[in-house]
Amino acid sequence: MYTSDPQGRLELNCSGETSVYQFAGKEVEFVSCKTCGIMTHVLCASDTQQYAVLNSNTFDDIPPARKISKKDFTEEAPEEAMQRRSQNWIGDVIIR
């Protein structure tokens, strides 16, 4: 379950204690903590910008009645996926 704010800003302070997994399309990077193994966020870069979504299961105090919406993007063309990410994902991402 992911969350994002297209108008928000995300600063990631990664100290090298992460691992990255990419599926066959290699369009996005799933980033996990090397210590606990939890997938914390997903990154996607265009030619000009970095985008991200956060794993909301890593947050404290999420209400149990939160709405979960399942989406299937398996039939989505790469161009459509990039357009969706650029509209819906956090577009102001700084990685340190």
PDB file of N, CA and C in Angstrom:
ATOM      1  N   MET A   1       0.852  -1.170   0.000  1.00  0.00           N
ATOM      2  CA  MET A   1       0.000   0.000   0.000  1.00  0.00           C
ATOM      3  C   MET A   1       0.898   1.233   0.000  1.00  0.00           C
ATOM      4  N   TYR A   2       0.697   2.088  -0.960  1.00  0.00           N
ATOM      5  CA  TYR A   2       1.546   3.255  -1.139  1.00  0.00           C
ATOM      6  C   TYR A   2       0.762   4.537  -0.956  1.00  0.00           C
ATOM      7  N   THR A   3       1.466   5.576  -0.603  1.00  0.00           N
ATOM      8  CA  THR A   3       0.863   6.888  -0.491  1.00  0.00           C
ATOM      9  C   THR A   3       1.805   7.917  -1.100  1.00  0.00           C
ATOM     10  N   SER A   4       1.224   8.998  -1.582  1.00  0.00           N
ATOM     11  CA  SER A   4       2.035  10.073  -2.147  1.00  0.00           C
ATOM     12  C   SER A   4       1.247  11.372  -2.091  1.00  0.00           C
ATOM     13  N   ASP A   5       1.964  12.447  -2.311  1.00  0.00           N
ATOM     14  CA  ASP A   5       1.357  13.769  -2.419  1.00  0.00           C
ATOM     15  C   ASP A   5       2.042  14.453  -3.600  1.00  0.00           C
ATOM     16  N   PRO A   6       1.380  14.527  -4.743  1.00  0.00           N
ATOM     17  CA  PRO A   6       2.012  15.110  -5.921  1.00  0.00           C
ATOM     18  C   PRO A   6       2.517  16.538  -5.711  1.00  0.00           C
ATOM     19  N   GLN A   7       1.966  17.238  -4.728  1.00  0.00           N
ATOM     20  CA  GLN A   7       2.410  18.604  -4.427  1.00  0.00           C
ATOM     21  C   GLN A   7       3.435  18.637  -3.295  1.00  0.00           C
ATOM     22  N   GLY A   8       3.744  17.474  -2.735  1.00  0.00           N
ATOM     23  CA  GLY A   8       4.631  17.396  -1.579  1.00  0.00           C
ATOM     24  C   GLY A   8       6.100  17.336  -1.962  1.00  0.00           C
ATOM     25  N   ARG A   9       6.917  17.298  -0.928  1.00  0.00           N
ATOM     26  CA  ARG A   9       8.370  17.191  -1.077  1.00  0.00           C
ATOM     27  C   ARG A   9       8.850  16.059  -0.191  1.00  0.00           C
ATOM     28  N   LEU A  10       9.783  15.263  -0.704  1.00  0.00           N
ATOM     29  CA  LEU A  10      10.323  14.133   0.043  1.00  0.00           C
ATOM     30  C   LEU A  10      11.841  14.229   0.061  1.00  0.00           C
ATOM     31  N   GLU A  11      12.407  14.230   1.270  1.00  0.00           N
ATOM     32  CA  GLU A  11      13.854  14.170   1.436  1.00  0.00           C
ATOM     33  C   GLU A  11      14.198  12.825   2.034  1.00  0.00           C
ATOM     34  N   LEU A  12      15.007  12.057   1.331  1.00  0.00           N
ATOM     35  CA  LEU A  12      15.431  10.746   1.798  1.00  0.00           C
ATOM     36  C   LEU A  12      16.886  10.825   2.222  1.00  0.00           C
ATOM     37  N   ASN A  13      17.154  10.452   3.444  1.00  0.00           N
ATOM     38  CA  ASN A  13      18.515  10.410   3.959  1.00  0.00           C
ATOM     39  C   ASN A  13      18.939   8.953   4.047  1.00  0.00           C
ATOM     40  N   CYS A  14      19.405   8.434   2.943  1.00  0.00           N
ATOM     41  CA  CYS A  14      19.814   7.030   2.867  1.00  0.00           C
ATOM     42  C   CYS A  14      21.310   6.936   3.124  1.00  0.00           C
ATOM     43  N   SER A  15      21.678   6.123   4.075  1.00  0.00           N
ATOM     44  CA  SER A  15      23.084   6.008   4.464  1.00  0.00           C
ATOM     45  C   SER A  15      23.756   4.799   3.822  1.00  0.00           C
ATOM     46  N   GLY A  16      23.196   4.299   2.755  1.00  0.00           N
ATOM     47  CA  GLY A  16      23.774   3.114   2.134  1.00  0.00           C
ATOM     48  C   GLY A  16      23.267   1.828   2.737  1.00  0.00           C
ATOM     49  N   GLU A  17      22.361   1.926   3.685  1.00  0.00           N
ATOM     50  CA  GLU A  17      21.818   0.747   4.354  1.00  0.00           C
ATOM     51  C   GLU A  17      20.531   0.277   3.686  1.00  0.00           C
ATOM     52  N   THR A  18      20.466   0.441   2.373  1.00  0.00           N
ATOM     53  CA  THR A  18      19.280   0.019   1.631  1.00  0.00           C
ATOM     54  C   THR A  18      19.679  -0.934   0.518  1.00  0.00           C
ATOM     55  N   SER A  19      18.704  -1.688   0.058  1.00  0.00           N
ATOM     56  CA  SER A  19      18.901  -2.526  -1.119  1.00  0.00           C
ATOM     57  C   SER A  19      17.797  -2.179  -2.116  1.00  0.00           C
ATOM     58  N   VAL A  20      18.086  -2.379  -3.374  1.00  0.00           N
ATOM     59  CA  VAL A  20      17.161  -1.995  -4.442  1.00  0.00           C
ATOM     60  C   VAL A  20      16.803  -3.217  -5.274  1.00  0.00           C
ATOM     61  N   TYR A  21      15.523  -3.355  -5.583  1.00  0.00           N
ATOM     62  CA  TYR A  21      15.052  -4.426  -6.460  1.00  0.00           C
ATOM     63  C   TYR A  21      14.310  -3.809  -7.628  1.00  0.00           C
ATOM     64  N   GLN A  22      14.543  -4.322  -8.816  1.00  0.00           N
ATOM     65  CA  GLN A  22      13.812  -3.899 -10.001  1.00  0.00           C
ATOM     66  C   GLN A  22      13.221  -5.125 -10.670  1.00  0.00           C
ATOM     67  N   PHE A  23      11.968  -5.003 -11.119  1.00  0.00           N
ATOM     68  CA  PHE A  23      11.359  -6.065 -11.901  1.00  0.00           C
ATOM     69  C   PHE A  23      11.928  -6.020 -13.309  1.00  0.00           C
ATOM     70  N   ALA A  24      11.509  -6.911 -14.172  1.00  0.00           N
ATOM     71  CA  ALA A  24      12.074  -7.056 -15.516  1.00  0.00           C
ATOM     72  C   ALA A  24      12.057  -5.764 -16.330  1.00  0.00           C
ATOM     73  N   GLY A  25      11.017  -4.942 -16.171  1.00  0.00           N
ATOM     74  CA  GLY A  25      10.922  -3.710 -16.943  1.00  0.00           C
ATOM     75  C   GLY A  25      11.919  -2.648 -16.519  1.00  0.00           C
ATOM     76  N   LYS A  26      12.451  -2.773 -15.318  1.00  0.00           N
ATOM     77  CA  LYS A  26      13.458  -1.858 -14.760  1.00  0.00           C
ATOM     78  C   LYS A  26      13.032  -0.396 -14.810  1.00  0.00           C
ATOM     79  N   GLU A  27      11.725  -0.143 -14.711  1.00  0.00           N
ATOM     80  CA  GLU A  27      11.213   1.229 -14.732  1.00  0.00           C
ATOM     81  C   GLU A  27      11.214   1.871 -13.359  1.00  0.00           C
ATOM     82  N   VAL A  28      11.077   1.051 -12.318  1.00  0.00           N
ATOM     83  CA  VAL A  28      11.022   1.567 -10.950  1.00  0.00           C
ATOM     84  C   VAL A  28      11.989   0.783 -10.066  1.00  0.00           C
ATOM     85  N   GLU A  29      12.388   1.429  -8.958  1.00  0.00           N
ATOM     86  CA  GLU A  29      13.258   0.802  -7.974  1.00  0.00           C
ATOM     87  C   GLU A  29      12.502   0.657  -6.663  1.00  0.00           C
ATOM     88  N   PHE A  30      12.399  -0.572  -6.178  1.00  0.00           N
ATOM     89  CA  PHE A  30      11.781  -0.844  -4.887  1.00  0.00           C
ATOM     90  C   PHE A  30      12.908  -0.862  -3.864  1.00  0.00           C
ATOM     91  N   VAL A  31      12.871   0.071  -2.903  1.00  0.00           N
ATOM     92  CA  VAL A  31      13.969   0.257  -1.965  1.00  0.00           C
ATOM     93  C   VAL A  31      13.580  -0.316  -0.599  1.00  0.00           C
ATOM     94  N   SER A  32      14.454  -1.163  -0.067  1.00  0.00           N
ATOM     95  CA  SER A  32      14.223  -1.813   1.225  1.00  0.00           C
ATOM     96  C   SER A  32      15.363  -1.515   2.184  1.00  0.00           C
ATOM     97  N   CYS A  33      15.039  -1.560   3.463  1.00  0.00           N
ATOM     98  CA  CYS A  33      16.032  -1.407   4.520  1.00  0.00           C
ATOM     99  C   CYS A  33      16.817  -2.719   4.638  1.00  0.00           C
ATOM    100  N   LYS A  34      18.153  -2.641   4.627  1.00  0.00           N
ATOM    101  CA  LYS A  34      18.975  -3.846   4.760  1.00  0.00           C
ATOM    102  C   LYS A  34      18.891  -4.450   6.155  1.00  0.00           C
ATOM    103  N   THR A  35      18.552  -3.638   7.156  1.00  0.00           N
ATOM    104  CA  THR A  35      18.507  -4.124   8.531  1.00  0.00           C
ATOM    105  C   THR A  35      17.241  -4.926   8.810  1.00  0.00           C
ATOM    106  N   CYS A  36      16.085  -4.335   8.496  1.00  0.00           N
ATOM    107  CA  CYS A  36      14.821  -5.007   8.843  1.00  0.00           C
ATOM    108  C   CYS A  36      14.123  -5.646   7.644  1.00  0.00           C
ATOM    109  N   GLY A  37      14.512  -5.284   6.423  1.00  0.00           N
ATOM    110  CA  GLY A  37      13.940  -5.897   5.231  1.00  0.00           C
ATOM    111  C   GLY A  37      12.671  -5.258   4.713  1.00  0.00           C
ATOM    112  N   ILE A  38      12.147  -4.254   5.405  1.00  0.00           N
ATOM    113  CA  ILE A  38      10.893  -3.655   4.957  1.00  0.00           C
ATOM    114  C   ILE A  38      11.122  -2.774   3.735  1.00  0.00           C
ATOM    115  N   MET A  39      10.218  -2.863   2.770  1.00  0.00           N
ATOM    116  CA  MET A  39      10.276  -2.020   1.583  1.00  0.00           C
ATOM    117  C   MET A  39       9.703  -0.664   1.984  1.00  0.00           C
ATOM    118  N   THR A  40      10.524   0.371   1.932  1.00  0.00           N
ATOM    119  CA  THR A  40      10.135   1.677   2.451  1.00  0.00           C
ATOM    120  C   THR A  40       9.556   2.611   1.395  1.00  0.00           C
ATOM    121  N   HIS A  41      10.090   2.549   0.179  1.00  0.00           N
ATOM    122  CA  HIS A  41       9.616   3.458  -0.861  1.00  0.00           C
ATOM    123  C   HIS A  41       9.956   2.918  -2.244  1.00  0.00           C
ATOM    124  N   VAL A  42       9.354   3.552  -3.244  1.00  0.00           N
ATOM    125  CA  VAL A  42       9.579   3.185  -4.637  1.00  0.00           C
ATOM    126  C   VAL A  42       9.984   4.448  -5.380  1.00  0.00           C
ATOM    127  N   LEU A  43      10.999   4.336  -6.227  1.00  0.00           N
ATOM    128  CA  LEU A  43      11.492   5.463  -7.006  1.00  0.00           C
ATOM    129  C   LEU A  43      11.321   5.202  -8.497  1.00  0.00           C
ATOM    130  N   CYS A  44      11.104   6.280  -9.228  1.00  0.00           N
ATOM    131  CA  CYS A  44      11.025   6.220 -10.683  1.00  0.00           C
ATOM    132  C   CYS A  44      11.578   7.534 -11.218  1.00  0.00           C
ATOM    133  N   ALA A  45      12.464   7.450 -12.187  1.00  0.00           N
ATOM    134  CA  ALA A  45      13.060   8.663 -12.739  1.00  0.00           C
ATOM    135  C   ALA A  45      12.665   8.828 -14.204  1.00  0.00           C
ATOM    136  N   SER A  46      12.326  10.056 -14.548  1.00  0.00           N
ATOM    137  CA  SER A  46      12.156  10.407 -15.952  1.00  0.00           C
ATOM    138  C   SER A  46      13.479  10.990 -16.422  1.00  0.00           C
ATOM    139  N   ASP A  47      13.507  11.536 -17.596  1.00  0.00           N
ATOM    140  CA  ASP A  47      14.730  12.170 -18.089  1.00  0.00           C
ATOM    141  C   ASP A  47      15.103  13.391 -17.264  1.00  0.00           C
ATOM    142  N   THR A  48      14.109  14.013 -16.628  1.00  0.00           N
ATOM    143  CA  THR A  48      14.351  15.284 -15.944  1.00  0.00           C
ATOM    144  C   THR A  48      14.014  15.291 -14.456  1.00  0.00           C
ATOM    145  N   GLN A  49      13.352  14.255 -13.952  1.00  0.00           N
ATOM    146  CA  GLN A  49      12.840  14.339 -12.591  1.00  0.00           C
ATOM    147  C   GLN A  49      12.788  12.979 -11.929  1.00  0.00           C
ATOM    148  N   GLN A  50      12.931  12.973 -10.607  1.00  0.00           N
ATOM    149  CA  GLN A  50      12.799  11.775  -9.782  1.00  0.00           C
ATOM    150  C   GLN A  50      11.418  11.790  -9.124  1.00  0.00           C
ATOM    151  N   TYR A  51      10.725  10.670  -9.124  1.00  0.00           N
ATOM    152  CA  TYR A  51       9.412  10.539  -8.491  1.00  0.00           C
ATOM    153  C   TYR A  51       9.479   9.445  -7.435  1.00  0.00           C
ATOM    154  N   ALA A  52       8.580   9.535  -6.424  1.00  0.00           N
ATOM    155  CA  ALA A  52       8.575   8.536  -5.359  1.00  0.00           C
ATOM    156  C   ALA A  52       7.176   8.352  -4.782  1.00  0.00           C
ATOM    157  N   VAL A  53       6.942   7.155  -4.258  1.00  0.00           N
ATOM    158  CA  VAL A  53       5.789   6.866  -3.400  1.00  0.00           C
ATOM    159  C   VAL A  53       6.341   6.179  -2.159  1.00  0.00           C
ATOM    160  N   LEU A  54       5.607   6.297  -1.065  1.00  0.00           N
ATOM    161  CA  LEU A  54       6.033   5.726   0.212  1.00  0.00           C
ATOM    162  C   LEU A  54       5.145   4.548   0.591  1.00  0.00           C
ATOM    163  N   ASN A  55       5.740   3.567   1.234  1.00  0.00           N
ATOM    164  CA  ASN A  55       4.988   2.440   1.761  1.00  0.00           C
ATOM    165  C   ASN A  55       4.281   2.914   3.029  1.00  0.00           C
ATOM    166  N   SER A  56       2.982   3.082   2.963  1.00  0.00           N
ATOM    167  CA  SER A  56       2.244   3.627   4.111  1.00  0.00           C
ATOM    168  C   SER A  56       2.197   2.663   5.288  1.00  0.00           C
ATOM    169  N   ASN A  57       2.528   1.402   5.081  1.00  0.00           N
ATOM    170  CA  ASN A  57       2.568   0.456   6.197  1.00  0.00           C
ATOM    171  C   ASN A  57       3.762   0.700   7.111  1.00  0.00           C
ATOM    172  N   THR A  58       4.661   1.584   6.733  1.00  0.00           N
ATOM    173  CA  THR A  58       5.792   1.919   7.598  1.00  0.00           C
ATOM    174  C   THR A  58       5.481   3.064   8.547  1.00  0.00           C
ATOM    175  N   PHE A  59       4.309   3.688   8.423  1.00  0.00           N
ATOM    176  CA  PHE A  59       3.923   4.824   9.254  1.00  0.00           C
ATOM    177  C   PHE A  59       3.295   4.355  10.558  1.00  0.00           C
ATOM    178  N   ASP A  60       3.462   5.149  11.601  1.00  0.00           N
ATOM    179  CA  ASP A  60       2.775   4.901  12.872  1.00  0.00           C
ATOM    180  C   ASP A  60       1.386   5.517  12.822  1.00  0.00           C
ATOM    181  N   ASP A  61       0.476   4.970  13.602  1.00  0.00           N
ATOM    182  CA  ASP A  61      -0.852   5.540  13.827  1.00  0.00           C
ATOM    183  C   ASP A  61      -1.707   5.688  12.569  1.00  0.00           C
ATOM    184  N   ILE A  62      -1.634   4.731  11.660  1.00  0.00           N
ATOM    185  CA  ILE A  62      -2.544   4.722  10.515  1.00  0.00           C
ATOM    186  C   ILE A  62      -3.863   4.119  11.003  1.00  0.00           C
ATOM    187  N   PRO A  63      -4.984   4.801  10.772  1.00  0.00           N
ATOM    188  CA  PRO A  63      -6.264   4.263  11.243  1.00  0.00           C
ATOM    189  C   PRO A  63      -6.565   2.904  10.611  1.00  0.00           C
ATOM    190  N   PRO A  64      -7.036   1.943  11.399  1.00  0.00           N
ATOM    191  CA  PRO A  64      -7.314   0.616  10.856  1.00  0.00           C
ATOM    192  C   PRO A  64      -8.392   0.624   9.782  1.00  0.00           C
ATOM    193  N   ALA A  65      -9.246   1.616   9.795  1.00  0.00           N
ATOM    194  CA  ALA A  65     -10.342   1.668   8.823  1.00  0.00           C
ATOM    195  C   ALA A  65      -9.933   2.391   7.540  1.00  0.00           C
ATOM    196  N   ARG A  66      -8.628   2.536   7.311  1.00  0.00           N
ATOM    197  CA  ARG A  66      -8.176   3.245   6.108  1.00  0.00           C
ATOM    198  C   ARG A  66      -8.696   2.540   4.860  1.00  0.00           C
ATOM    199  N   LYS A  67      -8.954   3.320   3.853  1.00  0.00           N
ATOM    200  CA  LYS A  67      -9.488   2.771   2.610  1.00  0.00           C
ATOM    201  C   LYS A  67      -8.349   2.205   1.772  1.00  0.00           C
ATOM    202  N   ILE A  68      -8.520   0.979   1.329  1.00  0.00           N
ATOM    203  CA  ILE A  68      -7.527   0.329   0.485  1.00  0.00           C
ATOM    204  C   ILE A  68      -8.131   0.167  -0.899  1.00  0.00           C
ATOM    205  N   SER A  69      -7.440   0.662  -1.872  1.00  0.00           N
ATOM    206  CA  SER A  69      -7.884   0.574  -3.253  1.00  0.00           C
ATOM    207  C   SER A  69      -6.851  -0.223  -4.037  1.00  0.00           C
ATOM    208  N   LYS A  70      -7.254  -1.362  -4.553  1.00  0.00           N
ATOM    209  CA  LYS A  70      -6.320  -2.197  -5.310  1.00  0.00           C
ATOM    210  C   LYS A  70      -6.369  -1.803  -6.779  1.00  0.00           C
ATOM    211  N   LYS A  71      -5.196  -1.717  -7.359  1.00  0.00           N
ATOM    212  CA  LYS A  71      -5.072  -1.371  -8.771  1.00  0.00           C
ATOM    213  C   LYS A  71      -4.203  -2.427  -9.444  1.00  0.00           C
ATOM    214  N   ASP A  72      -4.524  -2.722 -10.684  1.00  0.00           N
ATOM    215  CA  ASP A  72      -3.726  -3.649 -11.476  1.00  0.00           C
ATOM    216  C   ASP A  72      -3.151  -2.880 -12.658  1.00  0.00           C
ATOM    217  N   PHE A  73      -1.836  -2.730 -12.686  1.00  0.00           N
ATOM    218  CA  PHE A  73      -1.177  -1.968 -13.741  1.00  0.00           C
ATOM    219  C   PHE A  73      -0.449  -2.874 -14.732  1.00  0.00           C
ATOM    220  N   THR A  74      -0.730  -4.174 -14.702  1.00  0.00           N
ATOM    221  CA  THR A  74       0.016  -5.109 -15.551  1.00  0.00           C
ATOM    222  C   THR A  74      -0.189  -4.864 -17.044  1.00  0.00           C
ATOM    223  N   GLU A  75      -1.313  -4.340 -17.437  1.00  0.00           N
ATOM    224  CA  GLU A  75      -1.582  -4.100 -18.854  1.00  0.00           C
ATOM    225  C   GLU A  75      -1.221  -2.687 -19.292  1.00  0.00           C
ATOM    226  N   GLU A  76      -0.658  -1.900 -18.406  1.00  0.00           N
ATOM    227  CA  GLU A  76      -0.340  -0.510 -18.682  1.00  0.00           C
ATOM    228  C   GLU A  76       0.958  -0.409 -19.496  1.00  0.00           C
ATOM    229  N   ALA A  77       0.923   0.360 -20.570  1.00  0.00           N
ATOM    230  CA  ALA A  77       2.121   0.590 -21.384  1.00  0.00           C
ATOM    231  C   ALA A  77       3.106   1.460 -20.609  1.00  0.00           C
ATOM    232  N   PRO A  78       4.404   1.329 -20.870  1.00  0.00           N
ATOM    233  CA  PRO A  78       5.401   2.138 -20.148  1.00  0.00           C
ATOM    234  C   PRO A  78       5.134   3.640 -20.221  1.00  0.00           C
ATOM    235  N   GLU A  79       4.672   4.137 -21.340  1.00  0.00           N
ATOM    236  CA  GLU A  79       4.375   5.568 -21.478  1.00  0.00           C
ATOM    237  C   GLU A  79       3.211   5.970 -20.573  1.00  0.00           C
ATOM    238  N   GLU A  80       2.195   5.111 -20.496  1.00  0.00           N
ATOM    239  CA  GLU A  80       1.046   5.380 -19.622  1.00  0.00           C
ATOM    240  C   GLU A  80       1.477   5.357 -18.156  1.00  0.00           C
ATOM    241  N   ALA A  81       2.346   4.410 -17.808  1.00  0.00           N
ATOM    242  CA  ALA A  81       2.829   4.304 -16.432  1.00  0.00           C
ATOM    243  C   ALA A  81       3.591   5.561 -16.037  1.00  0.00           C
ATOM    244  N   MET A  82       4.442   6.044 -16.918  1.00  0.00           N
ATOM    245  CA  MET A  82       5.213   7.239 -16.602  1.00  0.00           C
ATOM    246  C   MET A  82       4.304   8.455 -16.464  1.00  0.00           C
ATOM    247  N   GLN A  83       3.300   8.555 -17.295  1.00  0.00           N
ATOM    248  CA  GLN A  83       2.358   9.670 -17.192  1.00  0.00           C
ATOM    249  C   GLN A  83       1.606   9.613 -15.862  1.00  0.00           C
ATOM    250  N   ARG A  84       1.162   8.416 -15.471  1.00  0.00           N
ATOM    251  CA  ARG A  84       0.457   8.248 -14.194  1.00  0.00           C
ATOM    252  C   ARG A  84       1.362   8.625 -13.027  1.00  0.00           C
ATOM    253  N   ARG A  85       2.606   8.153 -13.061  1.00  0.00           N
ATOM    254  CA  ARG A  85       3.533   8.461 -11.966  1.00  0.00           C
ATOM    255  C   ARG A  85       3.819   9.956 -11.886  1.00  0.00           C
ATOM    256  N   SER A  86       4.009  10.596 -13.028  1.00  0.00           N
ATOM    257  CA  SER A  86       4.322  12.029 -13.012  1.00  0.00           C
ATOM    258  C   SER A  86       3.147  12.858 -12.492  1.00  0.00           C
ATOM    259  N   GLN A  87       1.939  12.334 -12.591  1.00  0.00           N
ATOM    260  CA  GLN A  87       0.754  13.047 -12.103  1.00  0.00           C
ATOM    261  C   GLN A  87       0.440  12.731 -10.652  1.00  0.00           C
ATOM    262  N   ASN A  88       0.746  11.522 -10.207  1.00  0.00           N
ATOM    263  CA  ASN A  88       0.283  11.060  -8.893  1.00  0.00           C
ATOM    264  C   ASN A  88       1.365  10.868  -7.841  1.00  0.00           C
ATOM    265  N   TRP A  89       2.596  10.685  -8.243  1.00  0.00           N
ATOM    266  CA  TRP A  89       3.671  10.425  -7.298  1.00  0.00           C
ATOM    267  C   TRP A  89       4.278  11.743  -6.819  1.00  0.00           C
ATOM    268  N   ILE A  90       5.042  11.698  -5.741  1.00  0.00           N
ATOM    269  CA  ILE A  90       5.760  12.871  -5.240  1.00  0.00           C
ATOM    270  C   ILE A  90       6.813  13.236  -6.288  1.00  0.00           C
ATOM    271  N   GLY A  91       6.786  14.482  -6.730  1.00  0.00           N
ATOM    272  CA  GLY A  91       7.683  14.908  -7.794  1.00  0.00           C
ATOM    273  C   GLY A  91       8.868  15.736  -7.354  1.00  0.00           C
ATOM    274  N   ASP A  92       8.895  16.089  -6.085  1.00  0.00           N
ATOM    275  CA  ASP A  92      10.011  16.854  -5.541  1.00  0.00           C
ATOM    276  C   ASP A  92      10.761  15.947  -4.571  1.00  0.00           C
ATOM    277  N   VAL A  93      11.732  15.213  -5.103  1.00  0.00           N
ATOM    278  CA  VAL A  93      12.433  14.184  -4.326  1.00  0.00           C
ATOM    279  C   VAL A  93      13.916  14.524  -4.271  1.00  0.00           C
ATOM    280  N   ILE A  94      14.447  14.541  -3.055  1.00  0.00           N
ATOM    281  CA  ILE A  94      15.868  14.751  -2.831  1.00  0.00           C
ATOM    282  C   ILE A  94      16.408  13.523  -2.121  1.00  0.00           C
ATOM    283  N   ILE A  95      17.466  12.927  -2.671  1.00  0.00           N
ATOM    284  CA  ILE A  95      18.074  11.750  -2.056  1.00  0.00           C
ATOM    285  C   ILE A  95      19.480  12.127  -1.597  1.00  0.00           C
ATOM    286  N   ARG A  96      19.758  11.914  -0.329  1.00  0.00           N
ATOM    287  CA  ARG A  96      21.090  12.220   0.226  1.00  0.00           C
ATOM    288  C   ARG A  96      21.800  10.949   0.575  1.00  0.00           C
TER     289      ARG A  96
END
